[in-house]
Amino acid sequence: MSDLTLEEVAALAKAAGLVVSDDDLLEVTHRLNVTISGIEKFTHPALDTITPLPFRPLEDVNDE
């Protein structure tokens, strides 16, 4: 994936209801791109072979 631009990050922030000042936009863009790059490198070799388990919120478990 190519790096997000300042304009794309500004649009994403606005869509999420976040206010990012012009002074912070460069830093936020850099950090977001570094985070995405790190996530893209993450692999789990057996992930496709694991059967998903149902999830029960802790509130449901504690009520029993």
C-alpha atoms as a PDB file:
ATOM      1  CA  MET A   1       0.000   0.000   0.000  1.00  0.00           C
ATOM      2  CA  SER A   2       1.299   3.440  -0.798  1.00  0.00           C
ATOM      3  CA  ASP A   3       1.625   6.015   1.959  1.00  0.00           C
ATOM      4  CA  LEU A   4      -1.394   8.137   2.767  1.00  0.00           C
ATOM      5  CA  THR A   5      -1.126  11.788   1.783  1.00  0.00           C
ATOM      6  CA  LEU A   6      -1.751  14.752   4.053  1.00  0.00           C
ATOM      7  CA  GLU A   7      -5.043  15.353   2.253  1.00  0.00           C
ATOM      8  CA  GLU A   8      -6.160  11.727   2.716  1.00  0.00           C
ATOM      9  CA  VAL A   9      -5.342  11.776   6.433  1.00  0.00           C
ATOM     10  CA  ALA A  10      -7.167  15.081   6.842  1.00  0.00           C
ATOM     11  CA  ALA A  11     -10.224  13.593   5.100  1.00  0.00           C
ATOM     12  CA  LEU A  12     -10.079  10.438   7.248  1.00  0.00           C
ATOM     13  CA  ALA A  13      -9.816  12.515  10.422  1.00  0.00           C
ATOM     14  CA  LYS A  14     -12.778  14.640   9.384  1.00  0.00           C
ATOM     15  CA  ALA A  15     -14.850  11.543   8.532  1.00  0.00           C
ATOM     16  CA  ALA A  16     -14.033  10.103  11.973  1.00  0.00           C
ATOM     17  CA  GLY A  17     -15.031  13.343  13.677  1.00  0.00           C
ATOM     18  CA  LEU A  18     -11.473  14.128  14.767  1.00  0.00           C
ATOM     19  CA  VAL A  19      -9.962  17.574  14.709  1.00  0.00           C
ATOM     20  CA  VAL A  20      -6.341  17.571  13.547  1.00  0.00           C
ATOM     21  CA  SER A  21      -4.711  20.974  13.345  1.00  0.00           C
ATOM     22  CA  ASP A  22      -2.564  21.907  10.375  1.00  0.00           C
ATOM     23  CA  ASP A  23       0.416  21.983  12.737  1.00  0.00           C
ATOM     24  CA  ASP A  24      -0.190  18.342  13.747  1.00  0.00           C
ATOM     25  CA  LEU A  25      -1.224  16.949  10.359  1.00  0.00           C
ATOM     26  CA  LEU A  26       2.305  16.096   9.208  1.00  0.00           C
ATOM     27  CA  GLU A  27       3.096  14.221  12.440  1.00  0.00           C
ATOM     28  CA  VAL A  28      -0.247  12.366  12.433  1.00  0.00           C
ATOM     29  CA  THR A  29       0.254  11.383   8.781  1.00  0.00           C
ATOM     30  CA  HIS A  30       3.755  10.097   9.490  1.00  0.00           C
ATOM     31  CA  ARG A  31       2.646   8.077  12.530  1.00  0.00           C
ATOM     32  CA  LEU A  32      -0.344   6.629  10.696  1.00  0.00           C
ATOM     33  CA  ASN A  33       1.815   5.563   7.754  1.00  0.00           C
ATOM     34  CA  VAL A  34       4.374   3.943  10.089  1.00  0.00           C
ATOM     35  CA  THR A  35       1.588   2.106  11.928  1.00  0.00           C
ATOM     36  CA  ILE A  36       0.051   0.830   8.684  1.00  0.00           C
ATOM     37  CA  SER A  37       3.481  -0.271   7.455  1.00  0.00           C
ATOM     38  CA  GLY A  38       4.030  -2.240  10.650  1.00  0.00           C
ATOM     39  CA  ILE A  39       0.631  -3.896  10.432  1.00  0.00           C
ATOM     40  CA  GLU A  40       1.258  -4.905   6.816  1.00  0.00           C
ATOM     41  CA  LYS A  41       4.372  -6.795   7.917  1.00  0.00           C
ATOM     42  CA  PHE A  42       2.453  -8.769  10.559  1.00  0.00           C
ATOM     43  CA  THR A  43       1.845 -12.380   9.645  1.00  0.00           C
ATOM     44  CA  HIS A  44       0.554 -15.362  11.529  1.00  0.00           C
ATOM     45  CA  PRO A  45       1.401 -18.573   9.704  1.00  0.00           C
ATOM     46  CA  ALA A  46      -1.432 -20.678  11.103  1.00  0.00           C
ATOM     47  CA  LEU A  47      -4.158 -18.036  11.070  1.00  0.00           C
ATOM     48  CA  ASP A  48      -5.951 -19.581   8.088  1.00  0.00           C
ATOM     49  CA  THR A  49      -6.062 -22.996   9.762  1.00  0.00           C
ATOM     50  CA  ILE A  50      -7.555 -21.941  13.103  1.00  0.00           C
ATOM     51  CA  THR A  51     -11.268 -22.458  13.662  1.00  0.00           C
ATOM     52  CA  PRO A  52     -12.867 -19.272  15.043  1.00  0.00           C
ATOM     53  CA  LEU A  53     -14.358 -19.491  18.516  1.00  0.00           C
ATOM     54  CA  PRO A  54     -17.543 -17.683  19.523  1.00  0.00           C
ATOM     55  CA  PHE A  55     -17.002 -14.634  21.678  1.00  0.00           C
ATOM     56  CA  ARG A  56     -19.067 -13.946  24.767  1.00  0.00           C
ATOM     57  CA  PRO A  57     -18.711 -10.529  26.377  1.00  0.00           C
ATOM     58  CA  LEU A  58     -17.522 -10.667  29.983  1.00  0.00           C
ATOM     59  CA  GLU A  59     -20.794  -9.092  31.112  1.00  0.00           C
ATOM     60  CA  ASP A  60     -22.643 -12.191  29.861  1.00  0.00           C
ATOM     61  CA  VAL A  61     -20.221 -14.564  31.553  1.00  0.00           C
ATOM     62  CA  ASN A  62     -20.360 -12.776  34.902  1.00  0.00           C
ATOM     63  CA  ASP A  63     -24.180 -12.735  34.968  1.00  0.00           C
ATOM     64  CA  GLU A  64     -24.434 -16.531  35.135  1.00  0.00           C
END
